[in-house]
Amino acid sequence: MSVLFTARDMLATAIEIERSGFAFYSALAGAGKATFTFQHLADQERLHETMFQRILDSLGEAPAAESYTGELALYIKALASGRVFTNTAEARETAAKLAPVEAVHMAIGMEKDSILFYGEMRGLVRREDRPVVDRITDEERGHVLLLSGLLTQMGETP
């Protein structure tokens, strides 16, 4: 049996990833854990969610022309299901339990997972939407650098 995974599916998953990231970073900022950095990241996640929603809305009701079957679709599903959080409530609960250093390590892992996911998503969105995915992917890479710098300030190795 083949599995289809469309651009609409990818975008819906990307929106959920960004929502969960927003909830996680907002909860960390609200708990006083590296407040400026985590509030900045929360704001970025909200912006990414909005950008992906615009792309999704622009697709209309018609299914995306591009889709992959077989192994690639299973791989993409595995990337999507491997997210740290499945919903925003879980993201907030986890954030409340983490020590600051643990939070930064988890955030770096989340950002790396997002980079992988968006790299795969790029091939499924319309050509004119790829620069948006590229921009967000670049910003996620910047988040890894920012968080790695924060770890160094905390006396940890990234």
N, C-alpha and C. Protein backbone atom coordinates (compact mmCIF):
# COMPACT_ATOMS: atom_id res chain seq x y z
N MET A 1 0.84 -1.18 0.00
CA MET A 1 0.00 0.00 0.00
C MET A 1 0.89 1.24 0.00
N SER A 2 0.62 2.18 -0.88
CA SER A 2 1.42 3.39 -0.92
C SER A 2 0.76 4.47 -0.06
N VAL A 3 1.61 5.36 0.43
CA VAL A 3 1.14 6.44 1.30
C VAL A 3 1.40 7.75 0.58
N LEU A 4 0.39 8.60 0.51
CA LEU A 4 0.56 9.92 -0.10
C LEU A 4 0.74 10.95 0.99
N PHE A 5 1.65 11.87 0.75
CA PHE A 5 1.88 12.97 1.69
C PHE A 5 1.99 14.21 0.84
N THR A 6 1.02 15.09 0.92
CA THR A 6 0.95 16.23 0.02
C THR A 6 1.56 17.48 0.66
N ALA A 7 1.68 18.51 -0.15
CA ALA A 7 2.15 19.80 0.35
C ALA A 7 1.20 20.31 1.44
N ARG A 8 -0.09 20.09 1.27
CA ARG A 8 -1.06 20.53 2.29
C ARG A 8 -0.78 19.83 3.63
N ASP A 9 -0.49 18.53 3.57
CA ASP A 9 -0.17 17.79 4.79
C ASP A 9 1.08 18.35 5.45
N MET A 10 2.09 18.61 4.63
CA MET A 10 3.35 19.15 5.15
C MET A 10 3.13 20.51 5.80
N LEU A 11 2.37 21.35 5.14
CA LEU A 11 2.13 22.69 5.67
C LEU A 11 1.32 22.64 6.96
N ALA A 12 0.33 21.78 7.01
CA ALA A 12 -0.46 21.64 8.25
C ALA A 12 0.43 21.17 9.39
N THR A 13 1.33 20.24 9.11
CA THR A 13 2.26 19.76 10.13
C THR A 13 3.24 20.87 10.52
N ALA A 14 3.72 21.63 9.55
CA ALA A 14 4.64 22.73 9.85
C ALA A 14 3.97 23.76 10.75
N ILE A 15 2.71 24.04 10.50
CA ILE A 15 1.97 25.00 11.33
C ILE A 15 1.88 24.49 12.76
N GLU A 16 1.62 23.22 12.91
CA GLU A 16 1.54 22.64 14.26
C GLU A 16 2.90 22.66 14.95
N ILE A 17 3.97 22.41 14.21
CA ILE A 17 5.33 22.48 14.77
C ILE A 17 5.58 23.89 15.30
N GLU A 18 5.23 24.88 14.50
CA GLU A 18 5.47 26.27 14.90
C GLU A 18 4.61 26.65 16.11
N ARG A 19 3.36 26.19 16.15
CA ARG A 19 2.49 26.47 17.31
C ARG A 19 3.07 25.87 18.58
N SER A 20 3.53 24.64 18.48
CA SER A 20 4.12 23.98 19.64
C SER A 20 5.40 24.69 20.07
N GLY A 21 6.19 25.11 19.11
CA GLY A 21 7.41 25.87 19.42
C GLY A 21 7.08 27.17 20.12
N PHE A 22 6.05 27.86 19.63
CA PHE A 22 5.62 29.11 20.26
C PHE A 22 5.21 28.86 21.71
N ALA A 23 4.41 27.82 21.94
CA ALA A 23 3.95 27.50 23.30
C ALA A 23 5.13 27.17 24.20
N PHE A 24 6.08 26.39 23.70
CA PHE A 24 7.25 25.99 24.48
C PHE A 24 8.10 27.21 24.84
N TYR A 25 8.44 28.02 23.85
CA TYR A 25 9.30 29.17 24.11
C TYR A 25 8.59 30.22 24.96
N SER A 26 7.29 30.41 24.76
CA SER A 26 6.54 31.37 25.58
C SER A 26 6.51 30.93 27.04
N ALA A 27 6.32 29.63 27.25
CA ALA A 27 6.30 29.11 28.62
C ALA A 27 7.66 29.27 29.28
N LEU A 28 8.73 29.04 28.53
CA LEU A 28 10.07 29.22 29.09
C LEU A 28 10.32 30.69 29.44
N ALA A 29 9.92 31.58 28.55
CA ALA A 29 10.09 33.01 28.81
C ALA A 29 9.26 33.43 30.02
N GLY A 30 8.04 32.92 30.11
CA GLY A 30 7.16 33.25 31.22
C GLY A 30 7.67 32.73 32.56
N ALA A 31 8.47 31.67 32.51
CA ALA A 31 9.03 31.09 33.73
C ALA A 31 10.35 31.75 34.12
N GLY A 32 10.76 32.76 33.33
CA GLY A 32 11.98 33.49 33.65
C GLY A 32 13.25 32.77 33.24
N LYS A 33 13.15 31.84 32.32
CA LYS A 33 14.31 31.09 31.84
C LYS A 33 14.84 31.77 30.58
N ALA A 34 15.95 32.49 30.70
CA ALA A 34 16.54 33.19 29.55
C ALA A 34 15.44 33.96 28.79
N THR A 35 14.74 34.79 29.51
CA THR A 35 13.51 35.42 29.04
C THR A 35 13.66 36.09 27.68
N PHE A 36 14.67 36.93 27.49
CA PHE A 36 14.80 37.66 26.23
C PHE A 36 14.97 36.69 25.06
N THR A 37 15.86 35.73 25.20
CA THR A 37 16.12 34.78 24.12
C THR A 37 14.87 33.97 23.79
N PHE A 38 14.22 33.44 24.80
CA PHE A 38 13.06 32.59 24.55
C PHE A 38 11.86 33.39 24.04
N GLN A 39 11.71 34.63 24.47
CA GLN A 39 10.62 35.45 23.93
C GLN A 39 10.88 35.78 22.46
N HIS A 40 12.13 36.04 22.12
CA HIS A 40 12.50 36.28 20.72
C HIS A 40 12.17 35.06 19.87
N LEU A 41 12.53 33.88 20.38
CA LEU A 41 12.25 32.65 19.63
C LEU A 41 10.74 32.40 19.52
N ALA A 42 10.00 32.70 20.57
CA ALA A 42 8.54 32.55 20.52
C ALA A 42 7.96 33.45 19.43
N ASP A 43 8.43 34.68 19.37
CA ASP A 43 7.95 35.61 18.34
C ASP A 43 8.26 35.09 16.94
N GLN A 44 9.44 34.51 16.76
CA GLN A 44 9.82 33.95 15.47
C GLN A 44 8.93 32.78 15.08
N GLU A 45 8.62 31.92 16.05
CA GLU A 45 7.76 30.77 15.77
C GLU A 45 6.37 31.23 15.34
N ARG A 46 5.85 32.26 15.98
CA ARG A 46 4.53 32.80 15.62
C ARG A 46 4.56 33.34 14.19
N LEU A 47 5.63 34.05 13.84
CA LEU A 47 5.78 34.57 12.49
C LEU A 47 5.83 33.43 11.47
N HIS A 48 6.57 32.38 11.77
CA HIS A 48 6.66 31.24 10.85
C HIS A 48 5.29 30.58 10.67
N GLU A 49 4.56 30.45 11.76
CA GLU A 49 3.22 29.87 11.67
C GLU A 49 2.36 30.67 10.69
N THR A 50 2.41 31.99 10.81
CA THR A 50 1.64 32.86 9.93
C THR A 50 2.05 32.70 8.48
N MET A 51 3.34 32.59 8.23
CA MET A 51 3.83 32.45 6.86
C MET A 51 3.38 31.12 6.25
N PHE A 52 3.46 30.05 7.02
CA PHE A 52 3.01 28.75 6.51
C PHE A 52 1.50 28.74 6.29
N GLN A 53 0.76 29.41 7.16
CA GLN A 53 -0.69 29.47 7.00
C GLN A 53 -1.05 30.20 5.70
N ARG A 54 -0.32 31.26 5.38
CA ARG A 54 -0.57 31.98 4.12
C ARG A 54 -0.34 31.08 2.92
N ILE A 55 0.73 30.30 2.97
CA ILE A 55 1.01 29.39 1.85
C ILE A 55 -0.10 28.36 1.75
N LEU A 56 -0.49 27.79 2.89
CA LEU A 56 -1.56 26.78 2.89
C LEU A 56 -2.86 27.37 2.34
N ASP A 57 -3.20 28.57 2.78
CA ASP A 57 -4.41 29.22 2.30
C ASP A 57 -4.35 29.49 0.79
N SER A 58 -3.19 29.76 0.28
CA SER A 58 -3.05 30.06 -1.14
C SER A 58 -3.22 28.82 -2.01
N LEU A 59 -3.13 27.64 -1.42
CA LEU A 59 -3.29 26.42 -2.20
C LEU A 59 -4.74 26.15 -2.56
N GLY A 60 -5.67 26.76 -1.83
CA GLY A 60 -7.08 26.54 -2.10
C GLY A 60 -7.49 25.13 -1.73
N GLU A 61 -8.60 24.69 -2.31
CA GLU A 61 -9.15 23.38 -1.98
C GLU A 61 -8.57 22.25 -2.81
N ALA A 62 -7.99 22.59 -3.94
CA ALA A 62 -7.45 21.55 -4.81
C ALA A 62 -6.24 20.90 -4.16
N PRO A 63 -6.10 19.59 -4.31
CA PRO A 63 -4.92 18.93 -3.75
C PRO A 63 -3.66 19.40 -4.47
N ALA A 64 -2.56 19.39 -3.77
CA ALA A 64 -1.29 19.82 -4.36
C ALA A 64 -0.91 18.87 -5.49
N ALA A 65 -0.31 19.42 -6.52
CA ALA A 65 0.08 18.60 -7.66
C ALA A 65 1.23 17.69 -7.32
N GLU A 66 2.09 18.10 -6.42
CA GLU A 66 3.26 17.32 -6.10
C GLU A 66 2.99 16.45 -4.88
N SER A 67 3.28 15.17 -4.99
CA SER A 67 3.21 14.28 -3.84
C SER A 67 4.17 13.12 -4.09
N TYR A 68 4.59 12.52 -3.03
CA TYR A 68 5.53 11.41 -3.11
C TYR A 68 4.86 10.18 -2.52
N THR A 69 5.21 9.02 -3.06
CA THR A 69 4.66 7.78 -2.53
C THR A 69 5.80 6.90 -2.03
N GLY A 70 5.44 5.86 -1.32
CA GLY A 70 6.43 4.86 -0.93
C GLY A 70 7.35 5.29 0.17
N GLU A 71 8.63 4.99 0.01
CA GLU A 71 9.60 5.20 1.07
C GLU A 71 9.75 6.65 1.48
N LEU A 72 9.77 7.57 0.53
CA LEU A 72 9.92 8.98 0.89
C LEU A 72 8.76 9.46 1.75
N ALA A 73 7.57 9.06 1.40
CA ALA A 73 6.40 9.46 2.20
C ALA A 73 6.49 8.91 3.61
N LEU A 74 6.92 7.68 3.75
CA LEU A 74 7.08 7.10 5.08
C LEU A 74 8.16 7.83 5.88
N TYR A 75 9.23 8.20 5.20
CA TYR A 75 10.31 8.96 5.84
C TYR A 75 9.80 10.31 6.33
N ILE A 76 9.06 11.00 5.49
CA ILE A 76 8.52 12.31 5.87
C ILE A 76 7.55 12.17 7.04
N LYS A 77 6.71 11.16 7.01
CA LYS A 77 5.80 10.92 8.13
C LYS A 77 6.58 10.65 9.42
N ALA A 78 7.67 9.92 9.31
CA ALA A 78 8.51 9.65 10.48
C ALA A 78 9.11 10.95 11.02
N LEU A 79 9.56 11.81 10.14
CA LEU A 79 10.08 13.11 10.58
C LEU A 79 9.01 13.90 11.32
N ALA A 80 7.82 13.93 10.75
CA ALA A 80 6.73 14.71 11.34
C ALA A 80 6.30 14.11 12.67
N SER A 81 6.23 12.80 12.76
CA SER A 81 5.76 12.19 14.00
C SER A 81 6.83 12.20 15.08
N GLY A 82 8.07 12.47 14.70
CA GLY A 82 9.15 12.51 15.67
C GLY A 82 9.28 13.85 16.38
N ARG A 83 8.30 14.72 16.17
CA ARG A 83 8.32 16.02 16.84
C ARG A 83 8.38 15.83 18.35
N VAL A 84 8.97 16.80 19.03
CA VAL A 84 9.07 16.73 20.48
C VAL A 84 7.70 16.81 21.13
N PHE A 85 6.83 17.66 20.61
CA PHE A 85 5.50 17.85 21.20
C PHE A 85 4.42 17.52 20.19
N THR A 86 3.33 16.96 20.68
CA THR A 86 2.20 16.70 19.80
C THR A 86 1.14 17.78 19.90
N ASN A 87 1.23 18.63 20.93
CA ASN A 87 0.28 19.73 21.06
C ASN A 87 0.86 20.82 21.96
N THR A 88 0.20 21.96 21.98
CA THR A 88 0.72 23.10 22.73
C THR A 88 0.67 22.89 24.24
N ALA A 89 -0.33 22.17 24.73
CA ALA A 89 -0.42 21.92 26.17
C ALA A 89 0.78 21.10 26.64
N GLU A 90 1.14 20.11 25.87
CA GLU A 90 2.31 19.28 26.20
C GLU A 90 3.58 20.13 26.19
N ALA A 91 3.69 21.04 25.23
CA ALA A 91 4.86 21.92 25.15
C ALA A 91 4.98 22.77 26.42
N ARG A 92 3.86 23.34 26.86
CA ARG A 92 3.88 24.17 28.07
C ARG A 92 4.22 23.36 29.32
N GLU A 93 3.64 22.17 29.42
CA GLU A 93 3.91 21.31 30.58
C GLU A 93 5.38 20.92 30.65
N THR A 94 5.94 20.57 29.52
CA THR A 94 7.35 20.18 29.47
C THR A 94 8.24 21.36 29.85
N ALA A 95 7.95 22.53 29.31
CA ALA A 95 8.74 23.72 29.59
C ALA A 95 8.78 24.02 31.08
N ALA A 96 7.67 23.82 31.75
CA ALA A 96 7.58 24.12 33.18
C ALA A 96 8.47 23.21 34.01
N LYS A 97 8.76 22.02 33.52
CA LYS A 97 9.53 21.04 34.28
C LYS A 97 11.03 21.11 34.05
N LEU A 98 11.47 21.84 33.04
CA LEU A 98 12.87 21.81 32.64
C LEU A 98 13.72 22.85 33.37
N ALA A 99 14.92 22.44 33.73
CA ALA A 99 15.94 23.39 34.19
C ALA A 99 16.40 24.18 32.97
N PRO A 100 16.93 25.39 33.16
CA PRO A 100 17.33 26.20 32.01
C PRO A 100 18.26 25.50 31.02
N VAL A 101 19.26 24.80 31.49
CA VAL A 101 20.19 24.13 30.58
C VAL A 101 19.47 23.02 29.81
N GLU A 102 18.61 22.28 30.48
CA GLU A 102 17.82 21.24 29.81
C GLU A 102 16.92 21.86 28.74
N ALA A 103 16.34 22.99 29.05
CA ALA A 103 15.47 23.67 28.10
C ALA A 103 16.22 24.06 26.83
N VAL A 104 17.43 24.56 27.00
CA VAL A 104 18.21 24.97 25.84
C VAL A 104 18.60 23.76 25.00
N HIS A 105 19.03 22.68 25.65
CA HIS A 105 19.36 21.46 24.90
C HIS A 105 18.15 20.94 24.13
N MET A 106 16.99 20.93 24.77
CA MET A 106 15.78 20.47 24.10
C MET A 106 15.44 21.39 22.93
N ALA A 107 15.58 22.68 23.14
CA ALA A 107 15.27 23.65 22.08
C ALA A 107 16.18 23.45 20.87
N ILE A 108 17.45 23.18 21.11
CA ILE A 108 18.38 22.92 20.00
C ILE A 108 17.92 21.69 19.22
N GLY A 109 17.53 20.65 19.92
CA GLY A 109 17.04 19.45 19.24
C GLY A 109 15.79 19.73 18.42
N MET A 110 14.88 20.54 18.97
CA MET A 110 13.66 20.91 18.25
C MET A 110 13.99 21.66 16.97
N GLU A 111 14.92 22.60 17.08
CA GLU A 111 15.27 23.40 15.91
C GLU A 111 15.93 22.53 14.84
N LYS A 112 16.78 21.61 15.25
CA LYS A 112 17.41 20.71 14.28
C LYS A 112 16.37 19.83 13.60
N ASP A 113 15.42 19.32 14.36
CA ASP A 113 14.34 18.51 13.77
C ASP A 113 13.53 19.33 12.77
N SER A 114 13.29 20.59 13.10
CA SER A 114 12.55 21.47 12.19
C SER A 114 13.30 21.67 10.89
N ILE A 115 14.61 21.85 10.98
CA ILE A 115 15.44 22.04 9.78
C ILE A 115 15.32 20.82 8.87
N LEU A 116 15.40 19.63 9.44
CA LEU A 116 15.25 18.41 8.63
C LEU A 116 13.87 18.35 7.98
N PHE A 117 12.85 18.61 8.76
CA PHE A 117 11.49 18.53 8.25
C PHE A 117 11.27 19.54 7.13
N TYR A 118 11.71 20.78 7.33
CA TYR A 118 11.49 21.81 6.32
C TYR A 118 12.32 21.55 5.07
N GLY A 119 13.46 20.91 5.22
CA GLY A 119 14.25 20.54 4.05
C GLY A 119 13.48 19.57 3.16
N GLU A 120 12.78 18.64 3.77
CA GLU A 120 11.97 17.70 3.01
C GLU A 120 10.71 18.37 2.47
N MET A 121 10.14 19.27 3.25
CA MET A 121 8.92 19.96 2.84
C MET A 121 9.16 20.82 1.60
N ARG A 122 10.35 21.36 1.48
CA ARG A 122 10.67 22.26 0.37
C ARG A 122 10.34 21.63 -0.99
N GLY A 123 10.58 20.34 -1.11
CA GLY A 123 10.31 19.67 -2.38
C GLY A 123 8.83 19.45 -2.67
N LEU A 124 7.99 19.69 -1.69
CA LEU A 124 6.55 19.46 -1.87
C LEU A 124 5.74 20.73 -2.09
N VAL A 125 6.30 21.86 -1.77
CA VAL A 125 5.54 23.09 -1.96
C VAL A 125 5.76 23.64 -3.36
N ARG A 126 4.88 24.52 -3.77
CA ARG A 126 5.01 25.14 -5.10
C ARG A 126 6.33 25.89 -5.20
N ARG A 127 6.86 25.94 -6.38
CA ARG A 127 8.16 26.58 -6.62
C ARG A 127 8.18 28.01 -6.07
N GLU A 128 7.08 28.75 -6.25
CA GLU A 128 7.06 30.14 -5.79
C GLU A 128 7.03 30.25 -4.26
N ASP A 129 6.70 29.17 -3.56
CA ASP A 129 6.69 29.18 -2.09
C ASP A 129 8.01 28.71 -1.49
N ARG A 130 8.89 28.17 -2.29
CA ARG A 130 10.16 27.65 -1.77
C ARG A 130 11.03 28.71 -1.10
N PRO A 131 11.07 29.95 -1.61
CA PRO A 131 11.87 30.96 -0.89
C PRO A 131 11.40 31.18 0.55
N VAL A 132 10.10 31.05 0.80
CA VAL A 132 9.58 31.20 2.16
C VAL A 132 10.10 30.06 3.03
N VAL A 133 10.03 28.84 2.51
CA VAL A 133 10.53 27.68 3.26
C VAL A 133 12.03 27.84 3.49
N ASP A 134 12.76 28.30 2.48
CA ASP A 134 14.21 28.51 2.62
C ASP A 134 14.51 29.55 3.70
N ARG A 135 13.74 30.63 3.70
CA ARG A 135 13.95 31.69 4.69
C ARG A 135 13.72 31.16 6.10
N ILE A 136 12.63 30.42 6.28
CA ILE A 136 12.33 29.88 7.60
C ILE A 136 13.39 28.87 8.02
N THR A 137 13.84 28.05 7.09
CA THR A 137 14.90 27.08 7.40
C THR A 137 16.17 27.81 7.83
N ASP A 138 16.52 28.88 7.13
CA ASP A 138 17.69 29.67 7.52
C ASP A 138 17.52 30.27 8.92
N GLU A 139 16.30 30.73 9.22
CA GLU A 139 16.05 31.29 10.55
C GLU A 139 16.17 30.21 11.63
N GLU A 140 15.72 28.99 11.30
CA GLU A 140 15.85 27.89 12.26
C GLU A 140 17.33 27.59 12.52
N ARG A 141 18.14 27.67 11.48
CA ARG A 141 19.59 27.49 11.66
C ARG A 141 20.15 28.59 12.58
N GLY A 142 19.66 29.80 12.38
CA GLY A 142 20.07 30.90 13.26
C GLY A 142 19.66 30.66 14.70
N HIS A 143 18.51 30.02 14.89
CA HIS A 143 18.05 29.69 16.25
C HIS A 143 19.01 28.70 16.90
N VAL A 144 19.50 27.73 16.12
CA VAL A 144 20.47 26.77 16.66
C VAL A 144 21.73 27.50 17.11
N LEU A 145 22.19 28.44 16.30
CA LEU A 145 23.38 29.22 16.68
C LEU A 145 23.13 30.06 17.93
N LEU A 146 21.98 30.71 17.99
CA LEU A 146 21.63 31.53 19.15
C LEU A 146 21.58 30.68 20.41
N LEU A 147 20.93 29.54 20.32
CA LEU A 147 20.81 28.65 21.48
C LEU A 147 22.15 28.05 21.86
N SER A 148 22.98 27.74 20.88
CA SER A 148 24.32 27.23 21.17
C SER A 148 25.15 28.27 21.90
N GLY A 149 25.02 29.53 21.50
CA GLY A 149 25.70 30.62 22.20
C GLY A 149 25.21 30.76 23.63
N LEU A 150 23.91 30.58 23.82
CA LEU A 150 23.33 30.64 25.16
C LEU A 150 23.90 29.52 26.04
N LEU A 151 24.02 28.33 25.46
CA LEU A 151 24.62 27.22 26.21
C LEU A 151 26.05 27.54 26.63
N THR A 152 26.81 28.12 25.71
CA THR A 152 28.18 28.49 26.02
C THR A 152 28.21 29.49 27.16
N GLN A 153 27.31 30.46 27.15
CA GLN A 153 27.22 31.44 28.25
C GLN A 153 26.89 30.75 29.57
N MET A 154 26.16 29.66 29.51
CA MET A 154 25.79 28.91 30.71
C MET A 154 26.91 27.96 31.17
N GLY A 155 28.02 27.98 30.41
CA GLY A 155 29.15 27.12 30.77
C GLY A 155 29.00 25.70 30.27
N GLU A 156 28.11 25.49 29.32
CA GLU A 156 27.86 24.15 28.75
C GLU A 156 28.44 24.06 27.35
N THR A 157 28.61 22.83 26.90
CA THR A 157 29.06 22.59 25.53
C THR A 157 27.84 22.32 24.67
N PRO A 158 27.73 23.05 23.55
CA PRO A 158 26.58 22.83 22.66
C PRO A 158 26.61 21.44 22.03
